[in-house]
Amino acid sequence: MTENNQTPWPPKAYKNQEFLNSPAARQIRILCEIEETKQRFKQENIEDTLVMFGSARTLPITDALENLAKVEQSISGKDKLNDEEEASLAKAHADVKNAPYYEAARELSKSLTEWSMSLPDKKRRFIVCSGGGPGIMEAANRGAREAGGASIGLGISLPFEQGLNKYVTHDLQFEFHYFFVRKYWFVYLAKALIAFPGGFGTMDELFETLTLIQTKKLEKKLPIILYGADFWNKILNFDAFLEFGVISPKDVDLFKVVDSVQEAHDYIVNFLNMEYLNYSNSPK
């Protein structure tokens, strides 16, 4: 009781942390992740994005080679390897094989950022956006940083891979709890999606976006680029999709497979020039 014998004021509902973190307030938390993100993008003058995603496990080439050397040194002279050693060696070789994709994502992000910064638009156009984590996501943010530009990191709270990579622009760092809200923001502002080799998360983002385009839930034109023909042609057999009649022949035109940074850059820039900037002869 207070000095005048009146009961203290109870906490306001919007300051009641126990309630806000309860199952009953789930809809409120979802709205917060939608509206707070919207307001921050508006404040930062973000018009649209170029989304880059791929495996969180992909390493820079220097790190991959260093790890392989350490593994090979640790097993040097052994006639027979145990299961753990064989797994470590296989993983190290796979990391070296995948490392060029890190460097390609980094280079592509840098070139696209340099191009977007050269536009005469006062708003921040075609900002590189990643999931904010390690691997290909880090490479995307890193390339934008090296070009002197901003980039977005749409992070997600997970039991592993915690935290955003250090290359995400400070005011454009986000951390989501709900996967579907994060996915909404990936697609809502996107004017192009570039998918590098990745696992379940990469396939999830890719096929969900393809489905939205195929079913015309997305009315805007959104190019999808699959980087790395060797990977994609082995992982996804689109001819089999056609053979079994589960997609239409025109559906394979919803994406383009590329094999070089220059090819990806030119395709994306030419598309954006014609569809969103309304001029076709601008510099690349």
C-alpha atoms as a PDB file:
ATOM      1  CA  MET A   1       0.000   0.000   0.000  1.00  0.00           C
ATOM      2  CA  THR A   2       1.147   3.571  -0.641  1.00  0.00           C
ATOM      3  CA  GLU A   3       1.316   6.309   1.960  1.00  0.00           C
ATOM      4  CA  ASN A   4      -2.235   7.408   1.163  1.00  0.00           C
ATOM      5  CA  ASN A   5      -3.398   3.784   1.437  1.00  0.00           C
ATOM      6  CA  GLN A   6      -4.056   3.496  -2.319  1.00  0.00           C
ATOM      7  CA  THR A   7      -3.130   0.360  -4.252  1.00  0.00           C
ATOM      8  CA  PRO A   8      -0.142   0.902  -6.643  1.00  0.00           C
ATOM      9  CA  TRP A   9      -0.954   1.183 -10.316  1.00  0.00           C
ATOM     10  CA  PRO A  10      -0.759  -2.171 -12.124  1.00  0.00           C
ATOM     11  CA  PRO A  11       1.590  -2.301 -15.141  1.00  0.00           C
ATOM     12  CA  LYS A  12       0.140  -1.172 -18.450  1.00  0.00           C
ATOM     13  CA  ALA A  13      -0.534  -4.051 -20.808  1.00  0.00           C
ATOM     14  CA  TYR A  14       2.079  -2.910 -23.331  1.00  0.00           C
ATOM     15  CA  LYS A  15       4.711  -2.848 -20.569  1.00  0.00           C
ATOM     16  CA  ASN A  16       3.771  -6.234 -19.117  1.00  0.00           C
ATOM     17  CA  GLN A  17       6.696  -8.410 -20.221  1.00  0.00           C
ATOM     18  CA  GLU A  18       5.146 -11.589 -18.857  1.00  0.00           C
ATOM     19  CA  PHE A  19       2.082 -11.047 -21.030  1.00  0.00           C
ATOM     20  CA  LEU A  20       4.058  -9.911 -24.109  1.00  0.00           C
ATOM     21  CA  ASN A  21       6.158 -13.073 -23.985  1.00  0.00           C
ATOM     22  CA  SER A  22       3.155 -15.357 -23.476  1.00  0.00           C
ATOM     23  CA  PRO A  23       1.372 -17.470 -26.111  1.00  0.00           C
ATOM     24  CA  ALA A  24      -1.630 -15.137 -25.819  1.00  0.00           C
ATOM     25  CA  ALA A  25       0.431 -12.240 -27.210  1.00  0.00           C
ATOM     26  CA  ARG A  26       1.848 -14.117 -30.205  1.00  0.00           C
ATOM     27  CA  GLN A  27      -0.173 -12.049 -32.685  1.00  0.00           C
ATOM     28  CA  ILE A  28       1.154  -8.853 -31.117  1.00  0.00           C
ATOM     29  CA  ARG A  29       4.746 -10.058 -31.433  1.00  0.00           C
ATOM     30  CA  ILE A  30       4.140 -10.958 -35.078  1.00  0.00           C
ATOM     31  CA  LEU A  31       2.759  -7.481 -35.774  1.00  0.00           C
ATOM     32  CA  CYS A  32       5.781  -5.952 -34.058  1.00  0.00           C
ATOM     33  CA  GLU A  33       8.138  -7.813 -36.388  1.00  0.00           C
ATOM     34  CA  ILE A  34       6.146  -6.542 -39.372  1.00  0.00           C
ATOM     35  CA  GLU A  35       5.625  -2.938 -38.310  1.00  0.00           C
ATOM     36  CA  GLU A  36       8.949  -2.230 -36.610  1.00  0.00           C
ATOM     37  CA  THR A  37      10.817  -3.516 -39.662  1.00  0.00           C
ATOM     38  CA  LYS A  38       8.611  -1.459 -41.967  1.00  0.00           C
ATOM     39  CA  GLN A  39       9.278   1.722 -40.011  1.00  0.00           C
ATOM     40  CA  ARG A  40      13.035   1.155 -39.956  1.00  0.00           C
ATOM     41  CA  PHE A  41      13.170   0.587 -43.696  1.00  0.00           C
ATOM     42  CA  LYS A  42      11.178   3.780 -44.159  1.00  0.00           C
ATOM     43  CA  GLN A  43      13.501   5.732 -41.873  1.00  0.00           C
ATOM     44  CA  GLU A  44      16.548   4.389 -43.699  1.00  0.00           C
ATOM     45  CA  ASN A  45      15.040   5.349 -47.065  1.00  0.00           C
ATOM     46  CA  ILE A  46      15.197   1.790 -48.416  1.00  0.00           C
ATOM     47  CA  GLU A  47      13.306   1.506 -51.694  1.00  0.00           C
ATOM     48  CA  ASP A  48      14.085  -2.062 -52.759  1.00  0.00           C
ATOM     49  CA  THR A  49      16.595  -4.873 -52.330  1.00  0.00           C
ATOM     50  CA  LEU A  50      18.691  -7.487 -54.105  1.00  0.00           C
ATOM     51  CA  VAL A  51      18.454 -10.662 -52.044  1.00  0.00           C
ATOM     52  CA  MET A  52      21.418 -13.035 -51.936  1.00  0.00           C
ATOM     53  CA  PHE A  53      21.266 -16.331 -50.095  1.00  0.00           C
ATOM     54  CA  GLY A  54      23.029 -19.677 -49.901  1.00  0.00           C
ATOM     55  CA  SER A  55      24.770 -21.990 -47.456  1.00  0.00           C
ATOM     56  CA  ALA A  56      25.769 -20.655 -44.051  1.00  0.00           C
ATOM     57  CA  ARG A  57      28.600 -23.220 -44.064  1.00  0.00           C
ATOM     58  CA  THR A  58      30.524 -21.860 -47.059  1.00  0.00           C
ATOM     59  CA  LEU A  59      33.972 -20.552 -46.101  1.00  0.00           C
ATOM     60  CA  PRO A  60      36.345 -18.024 -47.658  1.00  0.00           C
ATOM     61  CA  ILE A  61      38.996 -19.775 -49.727  1.00  0.00           C
ATOM     62  CA  THR A  62      41.815 -18.902 -47.308  1.00  0.00           C
ATOM     63  CA  ASP A  63      39.953 -20.382 -44.345  1.00  0.00           C
ATOM     64  CA  ALA A  64      38.982 -23.510 -46.291  1.00  0.00           C
ATOM     65  CA  LEU A  65      42.554 -24.178 -47.419  1.00  0.00           C
ATOM     66  CA  GLU A  66      43.902 -23.561 -43.928  1.00  0.00           C
ATOM     67  CA  ASN A  67      41.405 -26.015 -42.424  1.00  0.00           C
ATOM     68  CA  LEU A  68      42.262 -28.656 -45.016  1.00  0.00           C
ATOM     69  CA  ALA A  69      45.971 -28.276 -44.269  1.00  0.00           C
ATOM     70  CA  LYS A  70      45.312 -28.721 -40.537  1.00  0.00           C
ATOM     71  CA  VAL A  71      43.244 -31.867 -41.104  1.00  0.00           C
ATOM     72  CA  GLU A  72      45.820 -33.359 -43.466  1.00  0.00           C
ATOM     73  CA  GLN A  73      48.577 -32.616 -40.973  1.00  0.00           C
ATOM     74  CA  SER A  74      46.624 -34.245 -38.148  1.00  0.00           C
ATOM     75  CA  ILE A  75      46.232 -37.509 -40.092  1.00  0.00           C
ATOM     76  CA  SER A  76      49.662 -37.485 -41.731  1.00  0.00           C
ATOM     77  CA  GLY A  77      51.393 -40.851 -41.556  1.00  0.00           C
ATOM     78  CA  LYS A  78      48.298 -42.833 -40.590  1.00  0.00           C
ATOM     79  CA  ASP A  79      47.621 -45.981 -42.608  1.00  0.00           C
ATOM     80  CA  LYS A  80      43.986 -46.154 -41.591  1.00  0.00           C
ATOM     81  CA  LEU A  81      41.589 -43.392 -40.567  1.00  0.00           C
ATOM     82  CA  ASN A  82      38.753 -43.762 -38.098  1.00  0.00           C
ATOM     83  CA  ASP A  83      35.238 -42.607 -38.948  1.00  0.00           C
ATOM     84  CA  GLU A  84      35.692 -39.186 -37.341  1.00  0.00           C
ATOM     85  CA  GLU A  85      38.921 -38.537 -39.216  1.00  0.00           C
ATOM     86  CA  GLU A  86      37.396 -39.609 -42.533  1.00  0.00           C
ATOM     87  CA  ALA A  87      34.433 -37.305 -41.917  1.00  0.00           C
ATOM     88  CA  SER A  88      36.739 -34.394 -41.065  1.00  0.00           C
ATOM     89  CA  LEU A  89      38.791 -34.933 -44.212  1.00  0.00           C
ATOM     90  CA  ALA A  90      35.697 -35.173 -46.413  1.00  0.00           C
ATOM     91  CA  LYS A  91      34.271 -32.006 -44.874  1.00  0.00           C
ATOM     92  CA  ALA A  92      37.543 -30.129 -45.389  1.00  0.00           C
ATOM     93  CA  HIS A  93      37.659 -31.129 -49.060  1.00  0.00           C
ATOM     94  CA  ALA A  94      34.000 -30.110 -49.487  1.00  0.00           C
ATOM     95  CA  ASP A  95      34.750 -26.731 -47.925  1.00  0.00           C
ATOM     96  CA  VAL A  96      37.551 -26.130 -50.426  1.00  0.00           C
ATOM     97  CA  LYS A  97      35.248 -27.158 -53.271  1.00  0.00           C
ATOM     98  CA  ASN A  98      32.543 -24.736 -52.129  1.00  0.00           C
ATOM     99  CA  ALA A  99      34.834 -21.822 -51.229  1.00  0.00           C
ATOM    100  CA  PRO A 100      34.783 -20.263 -54.729  1.00  0.00           C
ATOM    101  CA  TYR A 101      31.075 -19.598 -54.213  1.00  0.00           C
ATOM    102  CA  TYR A 102      31.917 -17.423 -51.203  1.00  0.00           C
ATOM    103  CA  GLU A 103      34.331 -15.407 -53.300  1.00  0.00           C
ATOM    104  CA  ALA A 104      31.819 -15.156 -56.168  1.00  0.00           C
ATOM    105  CA  ALA A 105      29.054 -13.926 -53.840  1.00  0.00           C
ATOM    106  CA  ARG A 106      31.424 -11.365 -52.371  1.00  0.00           C
ATOM    107  CA  GLU A 107      32.496 -10.126 -55.813  1.00  0.00           C
ATOM    108  CA  LEU A 108      28.944 -10.016 -57.185  1.00  0.00           C
ATOM    109  CA  SER A 109      27.667  -8.109 -54.168  1.00  0.00           C
ATOM    110  CA  LYS A 110      30.483  -5.604 -54.534  1.00  0.00           C
ATOM    111  CA  SER A 111      29.831  -5.036 -58.248  1.00  0.00           C
ATOM    112  CA  LEU A 112      26.062  -4.691 -57.790  1.00  0.00           C
ATOM    113  CA  THR A 113      26.546  -2.270 -54.899  1.00  0.00           C
ATOM    114  CA  GLU A 114      28.939  -0.140 -56.923  1.00  0.00           C
ATOM    115  CA  TRP A 115      26.372  -0.050 -59.720  1.00  0.00           C
ATOM    116  CA  SER A 116      23.460   0.865 -57.418  1.00  0.00           C
ATOM    117  CA  MET A 117      25.509   3.623 -55.786  1.00  0.00           C
ATOM    118  CA  SER A 118      26.120   5.150 -59.216  1.00  0.00           C
ATOM    119  CA  LEU A 119      22.400   5.656 -59.846  1.00  0.00           C
ATOM    120  CA  PRO A 120      21.116   9.252 -59.765  1.00  0.00           C
ATOM    121  CA  ASP A 121      18.206   8.283 -57.494  1.00  0.00           C
ATOM    122  CA  LYS A 122      18.032  10.044 -54.126  1.00  0.00           C
ATOM    123  CA  LYS A 123      16.633   6.960 -52.442  1.00  0.00           C
ATOM    124  CA  ARG A 124      18.750   3.950 -51.577  1.00  0.00           C
ATOM    125  CA  ARG A 125      17.986   1.642 -54.478  1.00  0.00           C
ATOM    126  CA  PHE A 126      18.725  -2.062 -54.897  1.00  0.00           C
ATOM    127  CA  ILE A 127      20.456  -2.592 -51.552  1.00  0.00           C
ATOM    128  CA  VAL A 128      22.049  -6.012 -51.065  1.00  0.00           C
ATOM    129  CA  CYS A 129      20.103  -8.026 -48.502  1.00  0.00           C
ATOM    130  CA  SER A 130      21.126 -11.312 -46.872  1.00  0.00           C
ATOM    131  CA  GLY A 131      20.040 -13.483 -43.983  1.00  0.00           C
ATOM    132  CA  GLY A 132      22.748 -11.817 -41.927  1.00  0.00           C
ATOM    133  CA  GLY A 133      24.539 -15.003 -40.904  1.00  0.00           C
ATOM    134  CA  PRO A 134      27.836 -16.631 -41.918  1.00  0.00           C
ATOM    135  CA  GLY A 135      28.807 -18.262 -45.207  1.00  0.00           C
ATOM    136  CA  ILE A 136      27.239 -16.878 -48.382  1.00  0.00           C
ATOM    137  CA  MET A 137      25.305 -14.373 -46.286  1.00  0.00           C
ATOM    138  CA  GLU A 138      28.519 -12.985 -44.864  1.00  0.00           C
ATOM    139  CA  ALA A 139      30.041 -12.836 -48.339  1.00  0.00           C
ATOM    140  CA  ALA A 140      27.100 -10.773 -49.604  1.00  0.00           C
ATOM    141  CA  ASN A 141      27.335  -8.241 -46.778  1.00  0.00           C
ATOM    142  CA  ARG A 142      31.111  -8.194 -47.022  1.00  0.00           C
ATOM    143  CA  GLY A 143      31.104  -7.370 -50.725  1.00  0.00           C
ATOM    144  CA  ALA A 144      28.716  -4.468 -50.178  1.00  0.00           C
ATOM    145  CA  ARG A 145      30.922  -3.151 -47.377  1.00  0.00           C
ATOM    146  CA  GLU A 146      33.998  -3.354 -49.611  1.00  0.00           C
ATOM    147  CA  ALA A 147      32.174  -1.289 -52.235  1.00  0.00           C
ATOM    148  CA  GLY A 148      31.514   1.385 -49.621  1.00  0.00           C
ATOM    149  CA  GLY A 149      27.784   0.743 -49.594  1.00  0.00           C
ATOM    150  CA  ALA A 150      25.129  -0.335 -47.137  1.00  0.00           C
ATOM    151  CA  SER A 151      23.643  -3.819 -46.826  1.00  0.00           C
ATOM    152  CA  ILE A 152      20.838  -5.454 -44.896  1.00  0.00           C
ATOM    153  CA  GLY A 153      20.939  -8.490 -42.606  1.00  0.00           C
ATOM    154  CA  LEU A 154      17.633 -10.202 -41.820  1.00  0.00           C
ATOM    155  CA  GLY A 155      18.761 -12.451 -38.984  1.00  0.00           C
ATOM    156  CA  ILE A 156      16.793 -15.245 -37.342  1.00  0.00           C
ATOM    157  CA  SER A 157      17.024 -16.544 -33.773  1.00  0.00           C
ATOM    158  CA  LEU A 158      18.228 -20.160 -33.895  1.00  0.00           C
ATOM    159  CA  PRO A 159      19.773 -22.592 -31.381  1.00  0.00           C
ATOM    160  CA  PHE A 160      22.933 -22.376 -33.552  1.00  0.00           C
ATOM    161  CA  GLU A 161      24.475 -19.803 -35.916  1.00  0.00           C
ATOM    162  CA  GLN A 162      23.639 -17.061 -33.450  1.00  0.00           C
ATOM    163  CA  GLY A 163      24.228 -13.416 -34.234  1.00  0.00           C
ATOM    164  CA  LEU A 164      24.748 -11.344 -37.348  1.00  0.00           C
ATOM    165  CA  ASN A 165      27.986 -11.205 -39.285  1.00  0.00           C
ATOM    166  CA  LYS A 166      30.147  -8.124 -38.756  1.00  0.00           C
ATOM    167  CA  TYR A 167      29.646  -6.739 -42.278  1.00  0.00           C
ATOM    168  CA  VAL A 168      25.937  -5.885 -41.962  1.00  0.00           C
ATOM    169  CA  THR A 169      25.306  -2.130 -41.817  1.00  0.00           C
ATOM    170  CA  HIS A 170      24.580  -1.223 -38.182  1.00  0.00           C
ATOM    171  CA  ASP A 171      21.246   0.522 -38.774  1.00  0.00           C
ATOM    172  CA  LEU A 172      20.081  -2.272 -41.074  1.00  0.00           C
ATOM    173  CA  GLN A 173      20.529  -5.149 -38.644  1.00  0.00           C
ATOM    174  CA  PHE A 174      17.369  -7.152 -37.895  1.00  0.00           C
ATOM    175  CA  GLU A 175      16.687 -10.190 -35.752  1.00  0.00           C
ATOM    176  CA  PHE A 176      13.468 -12.147 -36.303  1.00  0.00           C
ATOM    177  CA  HIS A 177      11.820 -14.842 -34.246  1.00  0.00           C
ATOM    178  CA  TYR A 178       9.237 -15.879 -36.844  1.00  0.00           C
ATOM    179  CA  PHE A 179      10.525 -17.445 -40.038  1.00  0.00           C
ATOM    180  CA  PHE A 180       7.471 -16.480 -42.071  1.00  0.00           C
ATOM    181  CA  VAL A 181       7.791 -12.780 -41.178  1.00  0.00           C
ATOM    182  CA  ARG A 182      11.446 -12.853 -42.147  1.00  0.00           C
ATOM    183  CA  LYS A 183      10.499 -14.505 -45.442  1.00  0.00           C
ATOM    184  CA  TYR A 184       7.906 -11.792 -46.043  1.00  0.00           C
ATOM    185  CA  TRP A 185      10.577  -9.111 -45.780  1.00  0.00           C
ATOM    186  CA  PHE A 186      12.945 -11.066 -48.015  1.00  0.00           C
ATOM    187  CA  VAL A 187      10.412 -11.071 -50.843  1.00  0.00           C
ATOM    188  CA  TYR A 188       8.400  -7.895 -50.274  1.00  0.00           C
ATOM    189  CA  LEU A 189      11.179  -5.448 -51.190  1.00  0.00           C
ATOM    190  CA  ALA A 190      13.150  -7.749 -53.496  1.00  0.00           C
ATOM    191  CA  LYS A 191      13.745  -6.849 -57.126  1.00  0.00           C
ATOM    192  CA  ALA A 192      16.045  -9.829 -57.744  1.00  0.00           C
ATOM    193  CA  LEU A 193      16.995 -13.033 -55.911  1.00  0.00           C
ATOM    194  CA  ILE A 194      20.375 -14.704 -56.340  1.00  0.00           C
ATOM    195  CA  ALA A 195      20.641 -18.234 -54.927  1.00  0.00           C
ATOM    196  CA  PHE A 196      24.088 -19.714 -54.356  1.00  0.00           C
ATOM    197  CA  PRO A 197      24.611 -23.399 -53.471  1.00  0.00           C
ATOM    198  CA  GLY A 198      23.024 -24.225 -50.142  1.00  0.00           C
ATOM    199  CA  GLY A 199      21.052 -26.718 -48.113  1.00  0.00           C
ATOM    200  CA  PHE A 200      17.510 -26.995 -46.807  1.00  0.00           C
ATOM    201  CA  GLY A 201      17.160 -23.299 -45.983  1.00  0.00           C
ATOM    202  CA  THR A 202      18.296 -22.262 -49.443  1.00  0.00           C
ATOM    203  CA  MET A 203      15.912 -24.715 -51.111  1.00  0.00           C
ATOM    204  CA  ASP A 204      13.092 -23.506 -48.886  1.00  0.00           C
ATOM    205  CA  GLU A 205      13.589 -19.865 -49.898  1.00  0.00           C
ATOM    206  CA  LEU A 206      14.037 -20.764 -53.558  1.00  0.00           C
ATOM    207  CA  PHE A 207      10.988 -22.984 -53.973  1.00  0.00           C
ATOM    208  CA  GLU A 208       8.722 -20.757 -51.919  1.00  0.00           C
ATOM    209  CA  THR A 209       9.591 -17.800 -54.140  1.00  0.00           C
ATOM    210  CA  LEU A 210       9.191 -19.866 -57.308  1.00  0.00           C
ATOM    211  CA  THR A 211       5.771 -20.963 -56.061  1.00  0.00           C
ATOM    212  CA  LEU A 212       4.697 -17.365 -55.405  1.00  0.00           C
ATOM    213  CA  ILE A 213       5.730 -16.391 -58.933  1.00  0.00           C
ATOM    214  CA  GLN A 214       4.235 -19.485 -60.565  1.00  0.00           C
ATOM    215  CA  THR A 215       0.873 -18.940 -58.843  1.00  0.00           C
ATOM    216  CA  LYS A 216       1.004 -15.193 -59.589  1.00  0.00           C
ATOM    217  CA  LYS A 217       0.835 -14.270 -55.922  1.00  0.00           C
ATOM    218  CA  LEU A 218       3.705 -11.961 -56.836  1.00  0.00           C
ATOM    219  CA  GLU A 219       2.607  -9.513 -59.487  1.00  0.00           C
ATOM    220  CA  LYS A 220       5.984  -7.796 -59.837  1.00  0.00           C
ATOM    221  CA  LYS A 221       8.651  -9.161 -62.137  1.00  0.00           C
ATOM    222  CA  LEU A 222      11.311 -10.836 -60.045  1.00  0.00           C
ATOM    223  CA  PRO A 223      14.307 -12.497 -61.709  1.00  0.00           C
ATOM    224  CA  ILE A 224      15.719 -15.535 -59.935  1.00  0.00           C
ATOM    225  CA  ILE A 225      19.350 -16.376 -60.599  1.00  0.00           C
ATOM    226  CA  LEU A 226      20.857 -19.726 -59.654  1.00  0.00           C
ATOM    227  CA  TYR A 227      24.616 -19.344 -59.381  1.00  0.00           C
ATOM    228  CA  GLY A 228      26.752 -22.399 -60.136  1.00  0.00           C
ATOM    229  CA  ALA A 229      25.571 -24.722 -62.897  1.00  0.00           C
ATOM    230  CA  ASP A 230      27.584 -27.678 -61.604  1.00  0.00           C
ATOM    231  CA  PHE A 231      25.748 -27.583 -58.285  1.00  0.00           C
ATOM    232  CA  TRP A 232      22.233 -26.807 -59.479  1.00  0.00           C
ATOM    233  CA  ASN A 233      22.247 -29.259 -62.382  1.00  0.00           C
ATOM    234  CA  LYS A 234      23.245 -32.063 -60.005  1.00  0.00           C
ATOM    235  CA  ILE A 235      20.939 -31.112 -57.149  1.00  0.00           C
ATOM    236  CA  LEU A 236      17.783 -30.277 -59.113  1.00  0.00           C
ATOM    237  CA  ASN A 237      16.687 -32.223 -62.153  1.00  0.00           C
ATOM    238  CA  PHE A 238      14.124 -29.929 -63.750  1.00  0.00           C
ATOM    239  CA  ASP A 239      13.915 -32.203 -66.790  1.00  0.00           C
ATOM    240  CA  ALA A 240      12.488 -34.836 -64.432  1.00  0.00           C
ATOM    241  CA  PHE A 241       9.907 -32.305 -63.216  1.00  0.00           C
ATOM    242  CA  LEU A 242       8.837 -31.907 -66.842  1.00  0.00           C
ATOM    243  CA  GLU A 243       8.967 -35.641 -67.564  1.00  0.00           C
ATOM    244  CA  PHE A 244       6.550 -36.359 -64.741  1.00  0.00           C
ATOM    245  CA  GLY A 245       4.347 -33.450 -65.751  1.00  0.00           C
ATOM    246  CA  VAL A 246       4.412 -31.721 -62.367  1.00  0.00           C
ATOM    247  CA  ILE A 247       5.461 -28.362 -63.837  1.00  0.00           C
ATOM    248  CA  SER A 248       4.778 -26.663 -67.163  1.00  0.00           C
ATOM    249  CA  PRO A 249       7.507 -26.139 -69.776  1.00  0.00           C
ATOM    250  CA  LYS A 250       7.272 -22.370 -69.255  1.00  0.00           C
ATOM    251  CA  ASP A 251       8.042 -22.789 -65.546  1.00  0.00           C
ATOM    252  CA  VAL A 252      11.713 -23.443 -66.282  1.00  0.00           C
ATOM    253  CA  ASP A 253      11.856 -19.870 -67.584  1.00  0.00           C
ATOM    254  CA  LEU A 254      11.188 -18.549 -64.074  1.00  0.00           C
ATOM    255  CA  PHE A 255      14.896 -18.790 -63.250  1.00  0.00           C
ATOM    256  CA  LYS A 256      18.268 -18.489 -64.946  1.00  0.00           C
ATOM    257  CA  VAL A 257      21.367 -20.560 -64.192  1.00  0.00           C
ATOM    258  CA  VAL A 258      24.627 -18.621 -64.449  1.00  0.00           C
ATOM    259  CA  ASP A 259      28.253 -19.567 -64.021  1.00  0.00           C
ATOM    260  CA  SER A 260      30.166 -16.318 -63.657  1.00  0.00           C
ATOM    261  CA  VAL A 261      29.968 -13.090 -61.703  1.00  0.00           C
ATOM    262  CA  GLN A 262      29.980 -11.047 -64.886  1.00  0.00           C
ATOM    263  CA  GLU A 263      27.090 -13.017 -66.355  1.00  0.00           C
ATOM    264  CA  ALA A 264      25.058 -12.634 -63.174  1.00  0.00           C
ATOM    265  CA  HIS A 265      25.849  -8.919 -62.888  1.00  0.00           C
ATOM    266  CA  ASP A 266      24.943  -8.163 -66.511  1.00  0.00           C
ATOM    267  CA  TYR A 267      21.712 -10.154 -66.394  1.00  0.00           C
ATOM    268  CA  ILE A 268      20.518  -8.487 -63.186  1.00  0.00           C
ATOM    269  CA  VAL A 269      21.524  -4.948 -64.152  1.00  0.00           C
ATOM    270  CA  ASN A 270      20.003  -5.205 -67.628  1.00  0.00           C
ATOM    271  CA  PHE A 271      16.783  -6.536 -66.141  1.00  0.00           C
ATOM    272  CA  LEU A 272      16.561  -3.776 -63.528  1.00  0.00           C
ATOM    273  CA  ASN A 273      17.379  -1.090 -66.068  1.00  0.00           C
ATOM    274  CA  MET A 274      14.562  -2.180 -68.363  1.00  0.00           C
ATOM    275  CA  GLU A 275      11.901  -3.147 -65.819  1.00  0.00           C
ATOM    276  CA  TYR A 276      12.409  -0.706 -62.950  1.00  0.00           C
ATOM    277  CA  LEU A 277      14.547   2.173 -64.207  1.00  0.00           C
ATOM    278  CA  ASN A 278      12.935   2.460 -67.633  1.00  0.00           C
ATOM    279  CA  TYR A 279      16.105   2.785 -69.642  1.00  0.00           C
ATOM    280  CA  SER A 280      18.016   0.113 -71.465  1.00  0.00           C
ATOM    281  CA  ASN A 281      21.269   1.809 -72.460  1.00  0.00           C
ATOM    282  CA  SER A 282      22.572   2.804 -69.050  1.00  0.00           C
ATOM    283  CA  PRO A 283      26.124   1.859 -68.067  1.00  0.00           C
ATOM    284  CA  LYS A 284      26.620  -1.552 -66.468  1.00  0.00           C
END
